[in-house]
Amino acid sequence: MAFEVRTVDGSRHTFDCFECAVHKMAPICEHCQIKIVGHGVEVSGRFFCCAHCARAVEGEQGAEVRDAVGARPA
């Protein structure tokens, strides 16, 4: 039951479980160093696990970032 992941640059990786894929492929938060599984946030080309971490590192631009938790479309 293996699956293949293809990246934007054309690389191919084969995994037998989601956990292994996350370990190998997931970006790391530039503030708390946790693997980012889910949407995360990007500010100035840097990846963070949440708005809190983005605000802690990115100052003015990070201050504008909001998590989507609890947000509902109008």
PDB file of N, CA and C in Angstrom:
ATOM      1  N   MET A   1       0.826  -1.193   0.000  1.00  0.00           N
ATOM      2  CA  MET A   1       0.000   0.000   0.000  1.00  0.00           C
ATOM      3  C   MET A   1       0.873   1.262   0.000  1.00  0.00           C
ATOM      4  N   ALA A   2       1.943   1.243  -0.735  1.00  0.00           N
ATOM      5  CA  ALA A   2       2.828   2.400  -0.820  1.00  0.00           C
ATOM      6  C   ALA A   2       2.181   3.490  -1.673  1.00  0.00           C
ATOM      7  N   PHE A   3       2.624   4.722  -1.458  1.00  0.00           N
ATOM      8  CA  PHE A   3       2.162   5.840  -2.279  1.00  0.00           C
ATOM      9  C   PHE A   3       3.352   6.711  -2.646  1.00  0.00           C
ATOM     10  N   GLU A   4       3.192   7.453  -3.728  1.00  0.00           N
ATOM     11  CA  GLU A   4       4.258   8.296  -4.249  1.00  0.00           C
ATOM     12  C   GLU A   4       3.878   9.756  -4.103  1.00  0.00           C
ATOM     13  N   VAL A   5       4.854  10.568  -3.713  1.00  0.00           N
ATOM     14  CA  VAL A   5       4.681  12.017  -3.628  1.00  0.00           C
ATOM     15  C   VAL A   5       5.624  12.644  -4.640  1.00  0.00           C
ATOM     16  N   ARG A   6       5.079  13.504  -5.501  1.00  0.00           N
ATOM     17  CA  ARG A   6       5.887  14.232  -6.481  1.00  0.00           C
ATOM     18  C   ARG A   6       5.926  15.698  -6.081  1.00  0.00           C
ATOM     19  N   THR A   7       7.115  16.255  -6.048  1.00  0.00           N
ATOM     20  CA  THR A   7       7.268  17.652  -5.644  1.00  0.00           C
ATOM     21  C   THR A   7       7.238  18.566  -6.860  1.00  0.00           C
ATOM     22  N   VAL A   8       7.170  19.844  -6.610  1.00  0.00           N
ATOM     23  CA  VAL A   8       7.119  20.838  -7.678  1.00  0.00           C
ATOM     24  C   VAL A   8       8.369  20.757  -8.556  1.00  0.00           C
ATOM     25  N   ASP A   9       9.514  20.449  -7.954  1.00  0.00           N
ATOM     26  CA  ASP A   9      10.754  20.375  -8.745  1.00  0.00           C
ATOM     27  C   ASP A   9      10.919  19.050  -9.483  1.00  0.00           C
ATOM     28  N   GLY A  10       9.909  18.167  -9.397  1.00  0.00           N
ATOM     29  CA  GLY A  10       9.948  16.912 -10.131  1.00  0.00           C
ATOM     30  C   GLY A  10      10.486  15.718  -9.360  1.00  0.00           C
ATOM     31  N   SER A  11      10.930  15.940  -8.125  1.00  0.00           N
ATOM     32  CA  SER A  11      11.418  14.829  -7.303  1.00  0.00           C
ATOM     33  C   SER A  11      10.267  13.882  -6.981  1.00  0.00           C
ATOM     34  N   ARG A  12      10.601  12.603  -6.845  1.00  0.00           N
ATOM     35  CA  ARG A  12       9.603  11.595  -6.481  1.00  0.00           C
ATOM     36  C   ARG A  12      10.064  10.892  -5.215  1.00  0.00           C
ATOM     37  N   HIS A  13       9.121  10.697  -4.302  1.00  0.00           N
ATOM     38  CA  HIS A  13       9.408  10.000  -3.053  1.00  0.00           C
ATOM     39  C   HIS A  13       8.319   8.953  -2.848  1.00  0.00           C
ATOM     40  N   THR A  14       8.708   7.760  -2.448  1.00  0.00           N
ATOM     41  CA  THR A  14       7.747   6.693  -2.192  1.00  0.00           C
ATOM     42  C   THR A  14       7.747   6.381  -0.702  1.00  0.00           C
ATOM     43  N   PHE A  15       6.550   6.313  -0.131  1.00  0.00           N
ATOM     44  CA  PHE A  15       6.392   6.067   1.297  1.00  0.00           C
ATOM     45  C   PHE A  15       5.391   4.952   1.521  1.00  0.00           C
ATOM     46  N   ASP A  16       5.498   4.317   2.680  1.00  0.00           N
ATOM     47  CA  ASP A  16       4.521   3.290   3.030  1.00  0.00           C
ATOM     48  C   ASP A  16       3.576   3.762   4.129  1.00  0.00           C
ATOM     49  N   CYS A  17       3.795   4.976   4.647  1.00  0.00           N
ATOM     50  CA  CYS A  17       2.867   5.530   5.636  1.00  0.00           C
ATOM     51  C   CYS A  17       2.959   7.053   5.628  1.00  0.00           C
ATOM     52  N   PHE A  18       1.864   7.674   6.050  1.00  0.00           N
ATOM     53  CA  PHE A  18       1.776   9.128   6.080  1.00  0.00           C
ATOM     54  C   PHE A  18       2.808   9.728   7.039  1.00  0.00           C
ATOM     55  N   GLU A  19       3.028   9.074   8.168  1.00  0.00           N
ATOM     56  CA  GLU A  19       3.976   9.575   9.160  1.00  0.00           C
ATOM     57  C   GLU A  19       5.388   9.711   8.565  1.00  0.00           C
ATOM     58  N   CYS A  20       5.806   8.726   7.775  1.00  0.00           N
ATOM     59  CA  CYS A  20       7.132   8.790   7.138  1.00  0.00           C
ATOM     60  C   CYS A  20       7.195   9.939   6.135  1.00  0.00           C
ATOM     61  N   ALA A  21       6.117  10.140   5.394  1.00  0.00           N
ATOM     62  CA  ALA A  21       6.070  11.236   4.426  1.00  0.00           C
ATOM     63  C   ALA A  21       6.182  12.583   5.131  1.00  0.00           C
ATOM     64  N   VAL A  22       5.464  12.746   6.224  1.00  0.00           N
ATOM     65  CA  VAL A  22       5.521  14.000   6.990  1.00  0.00           C
ATOM     66  C   VAL A  22       6.926  14.220   7.515  1.00  0.00           C
ATOM     67  N   HIS A  23       7.526  13.192   8.070  1.00  0.00           N
ATOM     68  CA  HIS A  23       8.874  13.308   8.625  1.00  0.00           C
ATOM     69  C   HIS A  23       9.872  13.796   7.573  1.00  0.00           C
ATOM     70  N   LYS A  24       9.745  13.288   6.373  1.00  0.00           N
ATOM     71  CA  LYS A  24      10.670  13.624   5.288  1.00  0.00           C
ATOM     72  C   LYS A  24      10.338  14.944   4.597  1.00  0.00           C
ATOM     73  N   MET A  25       9.036  15.233   4.394  1.00  0.00           N
ATOM     74  CA  MET A  25       8.640  16.307   3.485  1.00  0.00           C
ATOM     75  C   MET A  25       8.132  17.590   4.138  1.00  0.00           C
ATOM     76  N   ALA A  26       7.582  17.507   5.337  1.00  0.00           N
ATOM     77  CA  ALA A  26       6.935  18.677   5.930  1.00  0.00           C
ATOM     78  C   ALA A  26       7.941  19.783   6.239  1.00  0.00           C
ATOM     79  N   PRO A  27       7.560  21.032   5.947  1.00  0.00           N
ATOM     80  CA  PRO A  27       8.440  22.147   6.320  1.00  0.00           C
ATOM     81  C   PRO A  27       8.479  22.294   7.842  1.00  0.00           C
ATOM     82  N   ILE A  28       9.483  22.992   8.336  1.00  0.00           N
ATOM     83  CA  ILE A  28       9.661  23.187   9.773  1.00  0.00           C
ATOM     84  C   ILE A  28       9.387  24.647  10.113  1.00  0.00           C
ATOM     85  N   CYS A  29       8.628  24.878  11.177  1.00  0.00           N
ATOM     86  CA  CYS A  29       8.322  26.239  11.633  1.00  0.00           C
ATOM     87  C   CYS A  29       9.624  26.952  11.988  1.00  0.00           C
ATOM     88  N   GLU A  30       9.780  28.162  11.482  1.00  0.00           N
ATOM     89  CA  GLU A  30      11.017  28.905  11.724  1.00  0.00           C
ATOM     90  C   GLU A  30      11.088  29.507  13.122  1.00  0.00           C
ATOM     91  N   HIS A  31      10.006  29.396  13.884  1.00  0.00           N
ATOM     92  CA  HIS A  31      10.024  29.904  15.258  1.00  0.00           C
ATOM     93  C   HIS A  31      10.166  28.774  16.275  1.00  0.00           C
ATOM     94  N   CYS A  32       9.257  27.797  16.243  1.00  0.00           N
ATOM     95  CA  CYS A  32       9.251  26.753  17.285  1.00  0.00           C
ATOM     96  C   CYS A  32       9.853  25.430  16.813  1.00  0.00           C
ATOM     97  N   GLN A  33      10.225  25.351  15.543  1.00  0.00           N
ATOM     98  CA  GLN A  33      10.902  24.177  14.970  1.00  0.00           C
ATOM     99  C   GLN A  33      10.040  22.922  14.874  1.00  0.00           C
ATOM    100  N   ILE A  34       8.721  23.046  14.952  1.00  0.00           N
ATOM    101  CA  ILE A  34       7.834  21.895  14.824  1.00  0.00           C
ATOM    102  C   ILE A  34       7.566  21.622  13.340  1.00  0.00           C
ATOM    103  N   LYS A  35       7.314  20.369  12.981  1.00  0.00           N
ATOM    104  CA  LYS A  35       6.935  20.047  11.601  1.00  0.00           C
ATOM    105  C   LYS A  35       5.549  20.634  11.335  1.00  0.00           C
ATOM    106  N   ILE A  36       5.384  21.275  10.207  1.00  0.00           N
ATOM    107  CA  ILE A  36       4.121  21.900   9.864  1.00  0.00           C
ATOM    108  C   ILE A  36       3.261  20.895   9.101  1.00  0.00           C
ATOM    109  N   VAL A  37       2.214  20.410   9.765  1.00  0.00           N
ATOM    110  CA  VAL A  37       1.268  19.490   9.163  1.00  0.00           C
ATOM    111  C   VAL A  37      -0.063  20.224   9.132  1.00  0.00           C
ATOM    112  N   GLY A  38      -0.521  20.566   7.973  1.00  0.00           N
ATOM    113  CA  GLY A  38      -1.734  21.371   7.856  1.00  0.00           C
ATOM    114  C   GLY A  38      -1.423  22.628   7.069  1.00  0.00           C
ATOM    115  N   HIS A  39      -2.237  23.632   7.247  1.00  0.00           N
ATOM    116  CA  HIS A  39      -2.101  24.823   6.411  1.00  0.00           C
ATOM    117  C   HIS A  39      -0.887  25.672   6.746  1.00  0.00           C
ATOM    118  N   GLY A  40      -0.567  25.890   8.011  1.00  0.00           N
ATOM    119  CA  GLY A  40       0.540  26.768   8.362  1.00  0.00           C
ATOM    120  C   GLY A  40       0.324  28.160   7.793  1.00  0.00           C
ATOM    121  N   VAL A  41       1.312  29.025   7.930  1.00  0.00           N
ATOM    122  CA  VAL A  41       1.260  30.358   7.336  1.00  0.00           C
ATOM    123  C   VAL A  41       2.627  30.694   6.760  1.00  0.00           C
ATOM    124  N   GLU A  42       2.611  31.517   5.727  1.00  0.00           N
ATOM    125  CA  GLU A  42       3.851  31.945   5.084  1.00  0.00           C
ATOM    126  C   GLU A  42       3.907  33.466   5.122  1.00  0.00           C
ATOM    127  N   VAL A  43       5.031  33.998   5.580  1.00  0.00           N
ATOM    128  CA  VAL A  43       5.246  35.434   5.614  1.00  0.00           C
ATOM    129  C   VAL A  43       6.637  35.690   5.041  1.00  0.00           C
ATOM    130  N   SER A  44       6.705  36.501   4.004  1.00  0.00           N
ATOM    131  CA  SER A  44       7.983  36.851   3.381  1.00  0.00           C
ATOM    132  C   SER A  44       8.789  35.625   2.983  1.00  0.00           C
ATOM    133  N   GLY A  45       8.108  34.581   2.506  1.00  0.00           N
ATOM    134  CA  GLY A  45       8.796  33.379   2.063  1.00  0.00           C
ATOM    135  C   GLY A  45       9.266  32.471   3.182  1.00  0.00           C
ATOM    136  N   ARG A  46       8.873  32.775   4.421  1.00  0.00           N
ATOM    137  CA  ARG A  46       9.243  31.948   5.574  1.00  0.00           C
ATOM    138  C   ARG A  46       7.994  31.240   6.085  1.00  0.00           C
ATOM    139  N   PHE A  47       8.143  29.986   6.528  1.00  0.00           N
ATOM    140  CA  PHE A  47       7.001  29.180   6.942  1.00  0.00           C
ATOM    141  C   PHE A  47       6.905  29.069   8.458  1.00  0.00           C
ATOM    142  N   PHE A  48       5.660  29.177   8.944  1.00  0.00           N
ATOM    143  CA  PHE A  48       5.381  29.082  10.371  1.00  0.00           C
ATOM    144  C   PHE A  48       4.184  28.171  10.581  1.00  0.00           C
ATOM    145  N   CYS A  49       4.113  27.531  11.743  1.00  0.00           N
ATOM    146  CA  CYS A  49       3.009  26.608  12.018  1.00  0.00           C
ATOM    147  C   CYS A  49       1.718  27.352  12.331  1.00  0.00           C
ATOM    148  N   CYS A  50       1.802  28.596  12.795  1.00  0.00           N
ATOM    149  CA  CYS A  50       0.603  29.342  13.184  1.00  0.00           C
ATOM    150  C   CYS A  50       0.890  30.842  13.162  1.00  0.00           C
ATOM    151  N   ALA A  51      -0.165  31.623  13.299  1.00  0.00           N
ATOM    152  CA  ALA A  51      -0.029  33.081  13.300  1.00  0.00           C
ATOM    153  C   ALA A  51       0.804  33.564  14.485  1.00  0.00           C
ATOM    154  N   HIS A  52       0.675  32.914  15.633  1.00  0.00           N
ATOM    155  CA  HIS A  52       1.444  33.303  16.815  1.00  0.00           C
ATOM    156  C   HIS A  52       2.944  33.275  16.524  1.00  0.00           C
ATOM    157  N   CYS A  53       3.415  32.185  15.906  1.00  0.00           N
ATOM    158  CA  CYS A  53       4.838  32.072  15.580  1.00  0.00           C
ATOM    159  C   CYS A  53       5.250  33.098  14.527  1.00  0.00           C
ATOM    160  N   ALA A  54       4.390  33.340  13.542  1.00  0.00           N
ATOM    161  CA  ALA A  54       4.699  34.341  12.516  1.00  0.00           C
ATOM    162  C   ALA A  54       4.831  35.720  13.138  1.00  0.00           C
ATOM    163  N   ARG A  55       3.934  36.064  14.055  1.00  0.00           N
ATOM    164  CA  ARG A  55       3.996  37.378  14.719  1.00  0.00           C
ATOM    165  C   ARG A  55       5.245  37.505  15.575  1.00  0.00           C
ATOM    166  N   ALA A  56       5.675  36.408  16.199  1.00  0.00           N
ATOM    167  CA  ALA A  56       6.845  36.428  17.070  1.00  0.00           C
ATOM    168  C   ALA A  56       8.128  36.719  16.306  1.00  0.00           C
ATOM    169  N   VAL A  57       8.170  36.331  15.040  1.00  0.00           N
ATOM    170  CA  VAL A  57       9.401  36.451  14.262  1.00  0.00           C
ATOM    171  C   VAL A  57       9.349  37.584  13.237  1.00  0.00           C
ATOM    172  N   GLU A  58       8.235  37.789  12.598  1.00  0.00           N
ATOM    173  CA  GLU A  58       8.159  38.670  11.445  1.00  0.00           C
ATOM    174  C   GLU A  58       7.741  40.115  11.735  1.00  0.00           C
ATOM    175  N   GLY A  59       7.572  40.482  12.977  1.00  0.00           N
ATOM    176  CA  GLY A  59       7.282  41.871  13.315  1.00  0.00           C
ATOM    177  C   GLY A  59       6.068  42.437  12.621  1.00  0.00           C
ATOM    178  N   GLU A  60       6.260  43.521  11.869  1.00  0.00           N
ATOM    179  CA  GLU A  60       5.146  44.252  11.255  1.00  0.00           C
ATOM    180  C   GLU A  60       4.316  43.390  10.298  1.00  0.00           C
ATOM    181  N   GLN A  61       4.964  42.659   9.394  1.00  0.00           N
ATOM    182  CA  GLN A  61       4.213  41.805   8.467  1.00  0.00           C
ATOM    183  C   GLN A  61       3.546  40.656   9.200  1.00  0.00           C
ATOM    184  N   GLY A  62       4.211  40.103  10.187  1.00  0.00           N
ATOM    185  CA  GLY A  62       3.641  39.015  10.964  1.00  0.00           C
ATOM    186  C   GLY A  62       2.448  39.465  11.782  1.00  0.00           C
ATOM    187  N   ALA A  63       2.426  40.727  12.163  1.00  0.00           N
ATOM    188  CA  ALA A  63       1.317  41.255  12.967  1.00  0.00           C
ATOM    189  C   ALA A  63      -0.004  41.193  12.223  1.00  0.00           C
ATOM    190  N   GLU A  64       0.042  41.162  10.906  1.00  0.00           N
ATOM    191  CA  GLU A  64      -1.173  41.124  10.106  1.00  0.00           C
ATOM    192  C   GLU A  64      -1.714  39.711   9.905  1.00  0.00           C
ATOM    193  N   VAL A  65      -0.958  38.692  10.259  1.00  0.00           N
ATOM    194  CA  VAL A  65      -1.356  37.299  10.034  1.00  0.00           C
ATOM    195  C   VAL A  65      -2.368  36.876  11.094  1.00  0.00           C
ATOM    196  N   ARG A  66      -3.391  36.174  10.641  1.00  0.00           N
ATOM    197  CA  ARG A  66      -4.425  35.643  11.544  1.00  0.00           C
ATOM    198  C   ARG A  66      -4.641  34.173  11.223  1.00  0.00           C
ATOM    199  N   ASP A  67      -4.833  33.370  12.258  1.00  0.00           N
ATOM    200  CA  ASP A  67      -5.211  31.969  12.054  1.00  0.00           C
ATOM    201  C   ASP A  67      -6.664  31.931  11.605  1.00  0.00           C
ATOM    202  N   ALA A  68      -7.038  30.877  10.911  1.00  0.00           N
ATOM    203  CA  ALA A  68      -8.391  30.738  10.402  1.00  0.00           C
ATOM    204  C   ALA A  68      -9.320  30.025  11.379  1.00  0.00           C
ATOM    205  N   VAL A  69      -8.815  29.613  12.522  1.00  0.00           N
ATOM    206  CA  VAL A  69      -9.635  28.887  13.475  1.00  0.00           C
ATOM    207  C   VAL A  69     -10.809  29.745  13.919  1.00  0.00           C
ATOM    208  N   GLY A  70     -11.990  29.209  13.793  1.00  0.00           N
ATOM    209  CA  GLY A  70     -13.189  29.930  14.206  1.00  0.00           C
ATOM    210  C   GLY A  70     -13.724  30.891  13.170  1.00  0.00           C
ATOM    211  N   ALA A  71     -12.972  31.131  12.113  1.00  0.00           N
ATOM    212  CA  ALA A  71     -13.420  32.062  11.065  1.00  0.00           C
ATOM    213  C   ALA A  71     -14.453  31.364  10.192  1.00  0.00           C
ATOM    214  N   ARG A  72     -15.483  32.084   9.877  1.00  0.00           N
ATOM    215  CA  ARG A  72     -16.521  31.546   9.011  1.00  0.00           C
ATOM    216  C   ARG A  72     -16.786  32.547   7.891  1.00  0.00           C
ATOM    217  N   PRO A  73     -16.988  32.038   6.664  1.00  0.00           N
ATOM    218  CA  PRO A  73     -17.273  32.952   5.565  1.00  0.00           C
ATOM    219  C   PRO A  73     -18.597  33.691   5.810  1.00  0.00           C
ATOM    220  N   ALA A  74     -18.662  34.906   5.343  1.00  0.00           N
ATOM    221  CA  ALA A  74     -19.879  35.724   5.522  1.00  0.00           C
ATOM    222  C   ALA A  74     -20.985  35.290   4.601  1.00  0.00           C
TER     223      ALA A  74
END
